[in-house]
Amino acid sequence: MKTGSRLADMRAMTPEQLDDEVLKLKKERFNLRFQQATGQLSDAARVRVVRRDVARAKTVAAQKRAHAQKKD
């Protein structure tokens, strides 16, 4: 999946859905790091992709919350 489509999907989510997505991605990141430590990781680039997706989701959620605050 390309970055643009992941970002578009994230922008379509509510802040609560983004919080759930961050939690899911953090669990995946933990599992990937555990696999890496034990030598079982087959796709090392996935660690970086997941880390960046966490940052993207947090950024979009913060933007949505800031926009909601401005409206109120």
PDB file of N, CA and C in Angstrom:
ATOM      1  N   MET A   1       0.849  -1.176   0.000  1.00  0.00           N
ATOM      2  CA  MET A   1       0.000   0.000   0.000  1.00  0.00           C
ATOM      3  C   MET A   1       0.891   1.234   0.000  1.00  0.00           C
ATOM      4  N   LYS A   2       0.543   2.201  -0.808  1.00  0.00           N
ATOM      5  CA  LYS A   2       1.328   3.426  -0.909  1.00  0.00           C
ATOM      6  C   LYS A   2       1.015   4.362   0.247  1.00  0.00           C
ATOM      7  N   THR A   3       1.950   5.250   0.528  1.00  0.00           N
ATOM      8  CA  THR A   3       1.801   6.202   1.629  1.00  0.00           C
ATOM      9  C   THR A   3       0.592   7.091   1.426  1.00  0.00           C
ATOM     10  N   GLY A   4       0.373   7.566   0.218  1.00  0.00           N
ATOM     11  CA  GLY A   4      -0.740   8.465  -0.056  1.00  0.00           C
ATOM     12  C   GLY A   4      -2.087   7.849   0.261  1.00  0.00           C
ATOM     13  N   SER A   5      -2.255   6.585  -0.064  1.00  0.00           N
ATOM     14  CA  SER A   5      -3.537   5.936   0.204  1.00  0.00           C
ATOM     15  C   SER A   5      -3.728   5.687   1.700  1.00  0.00           C
ATOM     16  N   ARG A   6      -2.634   5.373   2.417  1.00  0.00           N
ATOM     17  CA  ARG A   6      -2.738   5.213   3.870  1.00  0.00           C
ATOM     18  C   ARG A   6      -3.113   6.533   4.517  1.00  0.00           C
ATOM     19  N   LEU A   7      -2.510   7.612   4.032  1.00  0.00           N
ATOM     20  CA  LEU A   7      -2.793   8.928   4.577  1.00  0.00           C
ATOM     21  C   LEU A   7      -4.235   9.324   4.278  1.00  0.00           C
ATOM     22  N   ALA A   8      -4.708   9.031   3.082  1.00  0.00           N
ATOM     23  CA  ALA A   8      -6.094   9.340   2.725  1.00  0.00           C
ATOM     24  C   ALA A   8      -7.056   8.547   3.609  1.00  0.00           C
ATOM     25  N   ASP A   9      -6.723   7.293   3.870  1.00  0.00           N
ATOM     26  CA  ASP A   9      -7.558   6.476   4.756  1.00  0.00           C
ATOM     27  C   ASP A   9      -7.587   7.056   6.163  1.00  0.00           C
ATOM     28  N   MET A  10      -6.433   7.515   6.630  1.00  0.00           N
ATOM     29  CA  MET A  10      -6.363   8.089   7.975  1.00  0.00           C
ATOM     30  C   MET A  10      -7.155   9.392   8.063  1.00  0.00           C
ATOM     31  N   ARG A  11      -7.102  10.183   7.027  1.00  0.00           N
ATOM     32  CA  ARG A  11      -7.827  11.452   7.049  1.00  0.00           C
ATOM     33  C   ARG A  11      -9.334  11.242   7.036  1.00  0.00           C
ATOM     34  N   ALA A  12      -9.780  10.078   6.572  1.00  0.00           N
ATOM     35  CA  ALA A  12     -11.205   9.771   6.549  1.00  0.00           C
ATOM     36  C   ALA A  12     -11.704   9.274   7.910  1.00  0.00           C
ATOM     37  N   MET A  13     -10.782   8.963   8.817  1.00  0.00           N
ATOM     38  CA  MET A  13     -11.152   8.431  10.138  1.00  0.00           C
ATOM     39  C   MET A  13     -11.449   9.562  11.120  1.00  0.00           C
ATOM     40  N   THR A  14     -12.195   9.207  12.158  1.00  0.00           N
ATOM     41  CA  THR A  14     -12.438  10.143  13.258  1.00  0.00           C
ATOM     42  C   THR A  14     -11.227  10.102  14.190  1.00  0.00           C
ATOM     43  N   PRO A  15     -11.065  11.106  15.049  1.00  0.00           N
ATOM     44  CA  PRO A  15      -9.938  11.063  15.993  1.00  0.00           C
ATOM     45  C   PRO A  15      -9.945   9.816  16.881  1.00  0.00           C
ATOM     46  N   GLU A  16     -11.126   9.345  17.255  1.00  0.00           N
ATOM     47  CA  GLU A  16     -11.208   8.138  18.076  1.00  0.00           C
ATOM     48  C   GLU A  16     -10.743   6.909  17.294  1.00  0.00           C
ATOM     49  N   GLN A  17     -11.115   6.844  16.028  1.00  0.00           N
ATOM     50  CA  GLN A  17     -10.667   5.733  15.194  1.00  0.00           C
ATOM     51  C   GLN A  17      -9.156   5.795  15.007  1.00  0.00           C
ATOM     52  N   LEU A  18      -8.630   7.004  14.885  1.00  0.00           N
ATOM     53  CA  LEU A  18      -7.184   7.164  14.747  1.00  0.00           C
ATOM     54  C   LEU A  18      -6.459   6.716  16.016  1.00  0.00           C
ATOM     55  N   ASP A  19      -7.039   7.000  17.176  1.00  0.00           N
ATOM     56  CA  ASP A  19      -6.444   6.541  18.427  1.00  0.00           C
ATOM     57  C   ASP A  19      -6.390   5.012  18.465  1.00  0.00           C
ATOM     58  N   ASP A  20      -7.453   4.367  17.997  1.00  0.00           N
ATOM     59  CA  ASP A  20      -7.478   2.901  17.931  1.00  0.00           C
ATOM     60  C   ASP A  20      -6.417   2.394  16.952  1.00  0.00           C
ATOM     61  N   GLU A  21      -6.267   3.098  15.832  1.00  0.00           N
ATOM     62  CA  GLU A  21      -5.275   2.722  14.821  1.00  0.00           C
ATOM     63  C   GLU A  21      -3.862   2.851  15.399  1.00  0.00           C
ATOM     64  N   VAL A  22      -3.609   3.905  16.152  1.00  0.00           N
ATOM     65  CA  VAL A  22      -2.298   4.091  16.780  1.00  0.00           C
ATOM     66  C   VAL A  22      -2.019   2.937  17.726  1.00  0.00           C
ATOM     67  N   LEU A  23      -2.997   2.565  18.514  1.00  0.00           N
ATOM     68  CA  LEU A  23      -2.825   1.452  19.447  1.00  0.00           C
ATOM     69  C   LEU A  23      -2.499   0.155  18.699  1.00  0.00           C
ATOM     70  N   LYS A  24      -3.227  -0.099  17.620  1.00  0.00           N
ATOM     71  CA  LYS A  24      -2.999  -1.308  16.823  1.00  0.00           C
ATOM     72  C   LYS A  24      -1.595  -1.295  16.217  1.00  0.00           C
ATOM     73  N   LEU A  25      -1.181  -0.134  15.699  1.00  0.00           N
ATOM     74  CA  LEU A  25       0.140  -0.027  15.089  1.00  0.00           C
ATOM     75  C   LEU A  25       1.257  -0.169  16.125  1.00  0.00           C
ATOM     76  N   LYS A  26       1.034   0.347  17.325  1.00  0.00           N
ATOM     77  CA  LYS A  26       2.042   0.209  18.380  1.00  0.00           C
ATOM     78  C   LYS A  26       2.213  -1.251  18.783  1.00  0.00           C
ATOM     79  N   LYS A  27       1.121  -1.992  18.814  1.00  0.00           N
ATOM     80  CA  LYS A  27       1.205  -3.424  19.122  1.00  0.00           C
ATOM     81  C   LYS A  27       1.984  -4.148  18.030  1.00  0.00           C
ATOM     82  N   GLU A  28       1.691  -3.771  16.774  1.00  0.00           N
ATOM     83  CA  GLU A  28       2.415  -4.390  15.661  1.00  0.00           C
ATOM     84  C   GLU A  28       3.903  -4.053  15.735  1.00  0.00           C
ATOM     85  N   ARG A  29       4.216  -2.789  16.067  1.00  0.00           N
ATOM     86  CA  ARG A  29       5.611  -2.378  16.181  1.00  0.00           C
ATOM     87  C   ARG A  29       6.323  -3.178  17.275  1.00  0.00           C
ATOM     88  N   PHE A  30       5.638  -3.376  18.396  1.00  0.00           N
ATOM     89  CA  PHE A  30       6.218  -4.172  19.481  1.00  0.00           C
ATOM     90  C   PHE A  30       6.509  -5.593  19.003  1.00  0.00           C
ATOM     91  N   ASN A  31       5.538  -6.196  18.330  1.00  0.00           N
ATOM     92  CA  ASN A  31       5.727  -7.566  17.835  1.00  0.00           C
ATOM     93  C   ASN A  31       6.866  -7.642  16.833  1.00  0.00           C
ATOM     94  N   LEU A  32       6.970  -6.635  15.964  1.00  0.00           N
ATOM     95  CA  LEU A  32       8.055  -6.627  14.982  1.00  0.00           C
ATOM     96  C   LEU A  32       9.413  -6.486  15.663  1.00  0.00           C
ATOM     97  N   ARG A  33       9.490  -5.639  16.672  1.00  0.00           N
ATOM     98  CA  ARG A  33      10.754  -5.470  17.388  1.00  0.00           C
ATOM     99  C   ARG A  33      11.128  -6.757  18.121  1.00  0.00           C
ATOM    100  N   PHE A  34      10.131  -7.434  18.654  1.00  0.00           N
ATOM    101  CA  PHE A  34      10.379  -8.708  19.333  1.00  0.00           C
ATOM    102  C   PHE A  34      10.906  -9.738  18.329  1.00  0.00           C
ATOM    103  N   GLN A  35      10.299  -9.790  17.153  1.00  0.00           N
ATOM    104  CA  GLN A  35      10.757 -10.710  16.109  1.00  0.00           C
ATOM    105  C   GLN A  35      12.183 -10.368  15.675  1.00  0.00           C
ATOM    106  N   GLN A  36      12.461  -9.065  15.597  1.00  0.00           N
ATOM    107  CA  GLN A  36      13.793  -8.631  15.196  1.00  0.00           C
ATOM    108  C   GLN A  36      14.833  -9.056  16.230  1.00  0.00           C
ATOM    109  N   ALA A  37      14.497  -8.919  17.493  1.00  0.00           N
ATOM    110  CA  ALA A  37      15.424  -9.282  18.566  1.00  0.00           C
ATOM    111  C   ALA A  37      15.703 -10.778  18.598  1.00  0.00           C
ATOM    112  N   THR A  38      14.710 -11.571  18.213  1.00  0.00           N
ATOM    113  CA  THR A  38      14.891 -13.025  18.243  1.00  0.00           C
ATOM    114  C   THR A  38      15.363 -13.577  16.898  1.00  0.00           C
ATOM    115  N   GLY A  39      15.569 -12.701  15.921  1.00  0.00           N
ATOM    116  CA  GLY A  39      16.068 -13.131  14.621  1.00  0.00           C
ATOM    117  C   GLY A  39      15.010 -13.753  13.731  1.00  0.00           C
ATOM    118  N   GLN A  40      13.741 -13.516  14.010  1.00  0.00           N
ATOM    119  CA  GLN A  40      12.665 -14.120  13.227  1.00  0.00           C
ATOM    120  C   GLN A  40      12.018 -13.151  12.243  1.00  0.00           C
ATOM    121  N   LEU A  41      12.506 -11.922  12.190  1.00  0.00           N
ATOM    122  CA  LEU A  41      11.891 -10.899  11.347  1.00  0.00           C
ATOM    123  C   LEU A  41      12.288 -11.117   9.894  1.00  0.00           C
ATOM    124  N   SER A  42      11.291 -11.242   9.026  1.00  0.00           N
ATOM    125  CA  SER A  42      11.577 -11.477   7.618  1.00  0.00           C
ATOM    126  C   SER A  42      11.578 -10.175   6.806  1.00  0.00           C
ATOM    127  N   ASP A  43      10.816  -9.179   7.226  1.00  0.00           N
ATOM    128  CA  ASP A  43      10.729  -7.914   6.484  1.00  0.00           C
ATOM    129  C   ASP A  43      11.162  -6.767   7.397  1.00  0.00           C
ATOM    130  N   ALA A  44      12.447  -6.472   7.397  1.00  0.00           N
ATOM    131  CA  ALA A  44      13.006  -5.462   8.299  1.00  0.00           C
ATOM    132  C   ALA A  44      12.479  -4.067   7.987  1.00  0.00           C
ATOM    133  N   ALA A  45      12.119  -3.798   6.761  1.00  0.00           N
ATOM    134  CA  ALA A  45      11.626  -2.470   6.385  1.00  0.00           C
ATOM    135  C   ALA A  45      10.262  -2.186   6.998  1.00  0.00           C
ATOM    136  N   ARG A  46       9.548  -3.213   7.361  1.00  0.00           N
ATOM    137  CA  ARG A  46       8.210  -3.037   7.944  1.00  0.00           C
ATOM    138  C   ARG A  46       8.265  -2.269   9.266  1.00  0.00           C
ATOM    139  N   VAL A  47       9.350  -2.423  10.011  1.00  0.00           N
ATOM    140  CA  VAL A  47       9.502  -1.717  11.288  1.00  0.00           C
ATOM    141  C   VAL A  47       9.440  -0.211  11.044  1.00  0.00           C
ATOM    142  N   ARG A  48      10.151   0.256  10.052  1.00  0.00           N
ATOM    143  CA  ARG A  48      10.179   1.690   9.739  1.00  0.00           C
ATOM    144  C   ARG A  48       8.828   2.169   9.225  1.00  0.00           C
ATOM    145  N   VAL A  49       8.195   1.377   8.391  1.00  0.00           N
ATOM    146  CA  VAL A  49       6.888   1.751   7.843  1.00  0.00           C
ATOM    147  C   VAL A  49       5.860   1.906   8.959  1.00  0.00           C
ATOM    148  N   VAL A  50       5.851   0.959   9.881  1.00  0.00           N
ATOM    149  CA  VAL A  50       4.896   1.005  10.995  1.00  0.00           C
ATOM    150  C   VAL A  50       5.185   2.203  11.890  1.00  0.00           C
ATOM    151  N   ARG A  51       6.460   2.461  12.165  1.00  0.00           N
ATOM    152  CA  ARG A  51       6.829   3.606  12.996  1.00  0.00           C
ATOM    153  C   ARG A  51       6.333   4.915  12.366  1.00  0.00           C
ATOM    154  N   ARG A  52       6.487   5.039  11.080  1.00  0.00           N
ATOM    155  CA  ARG A  52       6.043   6.250  10.385  1.00  0.00           C
ATOM    156  C   ARG A  52       4.519   6.332  10.333  1.00  0.00           C
ATOM    157  N   ASP A  53       3.856   5.191  10.222  1.00  0.00           N
ATOM    158  CA  ASP A  53       2.391   5.188  10.231  1.00  0.00           C
ATOM    159  C   ASP A  53       1.851   5.647  11.582  1.00  0.00           C
ATOM    160  N   VAL A  54       2.535   5.276  12.658  1.00  0.00           N
ATOM    161  CA  VAL A  54       2.136   5.736  13.991  1.00  0.00           C
ATOM    162  C   VAL A  54       2.218   7.259  14.028  1.00  0.00           C
ATOM    163  N   ALA A  55       3.315   7.799  13.538  1.00  0.00           N
ATOM    164  CA  ALA A  55       3.489   9.248  13.535  1.00  0.00           C
ATOM    165  C   ALA A  55       2.433   9.927  12.667  1.00  0.00           C
ATOM    166  N   ARG A  56       2.133   9.338  11.501  1.00  0.00           N
ATOM    167  CA  ARG A  56       1.102   9.906  10.626  1.00  0.00           C
ATOM    168  C   ARG A  56      -0.255   9.936  11.322  1.00  0.00           C
ATOM    169  N   ALA A  57      -0.616   8.837  11.946  1.00  0.00           N
ATOM    170  CA  ALA A  57      -1.918   8.751  12.606  1.00  0.00           C
ATOM    171  C   ALA A  57      -2.015   9.758  13.748  1.00  0.00           C
ATOM    172  N   LYS A  58      -0.939   9.901  14.517  1.00  0.00           N
ATOM    173  CA  LYS A  58      -0.944  10.873  15.608  1.00  0.00           C
ATOM    174  C   LYS A  58      -1.059  12.296  15.070  1.00  0.00           C
ATOM    175  N   THR A  59      -0.371  12.587  13.985  1.00  0.00           N
ATOM    176  CA  THR A  59      -0.405  13.921  13.400  1.00  0.00           C
ATOM    177  C   THR A  59      -1.793  14.260  12.880  1.00  0.00           C
ATOM    178  N   VAL A  60      -2.406  13.336  12.157  1.00  0.00           N
ATOM    179  CA  VAL A  60      -3.747  13.574  11.611  1.00  0.00           C
ATOM    180  C   VAL A  60      -4.753  13.748  12.745  1.00  0.00           C
ATOM    181  N   ALA A  61      -4.637  12.939  13.793  1.00  0.00           N
ATOM    182  CA  ALA A  61      -5.550  13.058  14.934  1.00  0.00           C
ATOM    183  C   ALA A  61      -5.391  14.427  15.601  1.00  0.00           C
ATOM    184  N   ALA A  62      -4.159  14.877  15.770  1.00  0.00           N
ATOM    185  CA  ALA A  62      -3.916  16.182  16.388  1.00  0.00           C
ATOM    186  C   ALA A  62      -4.473  17.308  15.513  1.00  0.00           C
ATOM    187  N   GLN A  63      -4.313  17.186  14.207  1.00  0.00           N
ATOM    188  CA  GLN A  63      -4.850  18.198  13.289  1.00  0.00           C
ATOM    189  C   GLN A  63      -6.365  18.249  13.370  1.00  0.00           C
ATOM    190  N   LYS A  64      -6.990  17.083  13.408  1.00  0.00           N
ATOM    191  CA  LYS A  64      -8.453  17.040  13.485  1.00  0.00           C
ATOM    192  C   LYS A  64      -8.949  17.635  14.795  1.00  0.00           C
ATOM    193  N   ARG A  65      -8.256  17.336  15.893  1.00  0.00           N
ATOM    194  CA  ARG A  65      -8.659  17.888  17.187  1.00  0.00           C
ATOM    195  C   ARG A  65      -8.460  19.403  17.220  1.00  0.00           C
ATOM    196  N   ALA A  66      -7.373  19.894  16.634  1.00  0.00           N
ATOM    197  CA  ALA A  66      -7.133  21.338  16.595  1.00  0.00           C
ATOM    198  C   ALA A  66      -8.183  22.036  15.746  1.00  0.00           C
ATOM    199  N   HIS A  67      -8.555  21.409  14.648  1.00  0.00           N
ATOM    200  CA  HIS A  67      -9.579  21.981  13.777  1.00  0.00           C
ATOM    201  C   HIS A  67     -10.928  22.019  14.488  1.00  0.00           C
ATOM    202  N   ALA A  68     -11.223  20.970  15.252  1.00  0.00           N
ATOM    203  CA  ALA A  68     -12.484  20.920  15.999  1.00  0.00           C
ATOM    204  C   ALA A  68     -12.508  22.000  17.090  1.00  0.00           C
ATOM    205  N   GLN A  69     -11.358  22.254  17.704  1.00  0.00           N
ATOM    206  CA  GLN A  69     -11.271  23.292  18.729  1.00  0.00           C
ATOM    207  C   GLN A  69     -11.510  24.677  18.131  1.00  0.00           C
ATOM    208  N   LYS A  70     -10.980  24.899  16.931  1.00  0.00           N
ATOM    209  CA  LYS A  70     -11.171  26.201  16.262  1.00  0.00           C
ATOM    210  C   LYS A  70     -12.635  26.451  15.961  1.00  0.00           C
ATOM    211  N   LYS A  71     -13.338  25.397  15.569  1.00  0.00           N
ATOM    212  CA  LYS A  71     -14.762  25.545  15.221  1.00  0.00           C
ATOM    213  C   LYS A  71     -15.613  25.910  16.420  1.00  0.00           C
ATOM    214  N   ASP A  72     -15.232  25.424  17.598  1.00  0.00           N
ATOM    215  CA  ASP A  72     -16.033  25.660  18.809  1.00  0.00           C
ATOM    216  C   ASP A  72     -15.845  27.026  19.374  1.00  0.00           C
TER     217      ASP A  72
END
